[in-house]
């Protein structure tokens, strides 16, 4: 589960952790659209802008992307659109969440998230 501790909202109850090369590379390519309670959590070894960058090749629907630093504080967020080549956070991130576009309305830069699958 992912919860926004700043406003006490549950963002996703079904979270899939992506922490291997294969799961991070595959992401949502050729995947069906996510339900409102689904999200993918990507885990990097350390904070970075380049390692937290994503592409949207072969993702056929828009998604919310929320980047978090090592303390799980939101450092950036964006609505990622299908087939765009590059999205990166403005600040270094160690974690990022990909989910339903409605997530963007529930999170602000500076909020702190609690992630149950870490």
Protein backbone atom coordinates (compact mmCIF):
# COMPACT_ATOMS: atom_id res chain seq x y z
CA UNK A 1 0.00 0.00 0.00
CA UNK A 2 1.10 3.57 -0.67
CA UNK A 3 -0.22 6.32 1.60
CA UNK A 4 0.36 10.06 1.49
CA UNK A 5 1.29 10.88 5.10
CA UNK A 6 0.84 14.61 4.50
CA UNK A 7 -2.90 14.37 3.76
CA UNK A 8 -3.52 10.79 5.03
CA UNK A 9 -4.84 9.55 1.67
CA UNK A 10 -4.32 6.00 0.44
CA UNK A 11 -2.91 6.30 -3.08
CA UNK A 12 -2.77 2.62 -4.05
CA UNK A 13 -3.60 -0.68 -2.39
CA UNK A 14 -2.18 -2.98 -5.08
CA UNK A 15 1.51 -2.19 -5.51
CA UNK A 16 3.98 -4.14 -7.62
CA UNK A 17 7.63 -3.61 -6.71
CA UNK A 18 10.07 -3.25 -9.62
CA UNK A 19 13.60 -3.51 -8.29
CA UNK A 20 15.43 -5.76 -10.76
CA UNK A 21 16.86 -4.84 -14.14
CA UNK A 22 14.16 -6.84 -15.94
CA UNK A 23 11.18 -5.51 -13.98
CA UNK A 24 12.41 -1.91 -14.23
CA UNK A 25 13.08 -2.25 -17.97
CA UNK A 26 9.68 -3.83 -18.66
CA UNK A 27 7.63 -1.44 -16.53
CA UNK A 28 4.25 -0.88 -18.17
CA UNK A 29 5.23 -1.71 -21.75
CA UNK A 30 2.45 -3.69 -23.44
CA UNK A 31 0.46 -3.55 -20.18
CA UNK A 32 -3.24 -2.85 -19.81
CA UNK A 33 -4.27 0.49 -18.26
CA UNK A 34 -3.92 0.65 -14.49
CA UNK A 35 -6.92 0.70 -12.16
CA UNK A 36 -7.18 3.58 -9.69
CA UNK A 37 -5.86 1.44 -6.83
CA UNK A 38 -2.89 -0.06 -8.76
CA UNK A 39 0.66 1.24 -8.93
CA UNK A 40 4.19 0.17 -9.75
CA UNK A 41 6.98 1.11 -7.35
CA UNK A 42 10.43 1.40 -8.91
CA UNK A 43 13.41 1.19 -6.55
CA UNK A 44 16.90 2.43 -7.40
CA UNK A 45 20.02 1.85 -5.30
CA UNK A 46 20.63 5.56 -4.74
CA UNK A 47 19.22 8.95 -5.61
CA UNK A 48 19.79 10.00 -9.22
CA UNK A 49 18.15 12.00 -11.96
CA UNK A 50 19.33 9.82 -14.85
CA UNK A 51 18.60 6.43 -13.21
CA UNK A 52 15.08 7.61 -12.34
CA UNK A 53 14.31 8.72 -15.91
CA UNK A 54 11.62 6.82 -17.81
CA UNK A 55 10.38 6.39 -21.37
CA UNK A 56 6.85 5.72 -22.56
CA UNK A 57 7.60 3.58 -25.61
CA UNK A 58 4.96 0.85 -25.99
CA UNK A 59 2.88 2.24 -23.13
CA UNK A 60 -0.50 2.93 -24.70
CA UNK A 61 -2.13 5.06 -21.97
CA UNK A 62 -1.15 8.09 -19.86
CA UNK A 63 0.17 7.52 -16.34
CA UNK A 64 1.05 9.54 -13.27
CA UNK A 65 4.72 9.41 -12.36
CA UNK A 66 5.72 10.52 -8.86
CA UNK A 67 9.42 10.70 -7.97
CA UNK A 68 10.60 10.40 -4.34
CA UNK A 69 13.94 11.02 -2.67
CA UNK A 70 15.57 8.61 -0.20
CA UNK A 71 13.30 9.91 2.60
CA UNK A 72 10.24 9.23 0.41
CA UNK A 73 9.54 12.95 -0.02
CA UNK A 74 7.95 13.85 -3.38
CA UNK A 75 10.51 15.73 -5.49
CA UNK A 76 8.57 15.88 -8.77
CA UNK A 77 5.48 14.58 -10.55
CA UNK A 78 4.24 14.48 -14.13
CA UNK A 79 1.51 13.13 -16.38
CA UNK A 80 3.47 10.90 -18.76
CA UNK A 81 1.91 10.46 -22.19
CA UNK A 82 2.15 7.43 -24.49
CA UNK A 83 5.19 7.02 -26.73
CA UNK A 84 7.12 9.99 -25.34
CA UNK A 85 10.85 9.28 -25.26
CA UNK A 86 11.96 10.80 -21.98
CA UNK A 87 10.74 11.98 -18.59
CA UNK A 88 13.11 12.72 -15.70
CA UNK A 89 12.67 14.27 -12.27
CA UNK A 90 13.86 17.81 -11.60
CA UNK A 91 15.62 16.61 -8.45
CA UNK A 92 17.44 13.31 -7.75
CA UNK A 93 15.08 10.46 -6.86
CA UNK A 94 15.58 6.98 -5.43
CA UNK A 95 11.99 5.79 -5.86
CA UNK A 96 9.28 6.48 -8.39
CA UNK A 97 5.67 5.44 -8.58
CA UNK A 98 3.74 4.89 -11.79
CA UNK A 99 -0.01 4.83 -11.42
CA UNK A 100 -3.40 6.02 -12.57
CA UNK A 101 -3.42 9.70 -13.67
CA UNK A 102 -5.76 10.56 -10.75
CA UNK A 103 -2.78 10.17 -8.39
CA UNK A 104 -1.48 13.56 -9.49
CA UNK A 105 -4.42 15.28 -7.77
CA UNK A 106 -3.61 13.53 -4.47
CA UNK A 107 0.09 14.38 -4.21
CA UNK A 108 2.07 17.63 -4.09
CA UNK A 109 5.81 18.20 -4.29
CA UNK A 110 7.07 18.09 -0.68
CA UNK A 111 4.55 15.50 0.54
CA UNK A 112 5.91 12.43 2.31
CA UNK A 113 4.69 8.98 1.28
CA UNK A 114 4.57 5.74 3.26
CA UNK A 115 5.28 2.67 1.16
CA UNK A 116 4.17 -0.64 2.63
CA UNK A 117 6.11 -2.94 0.31
CA UNK A 118 9.61 -1.67 1.16
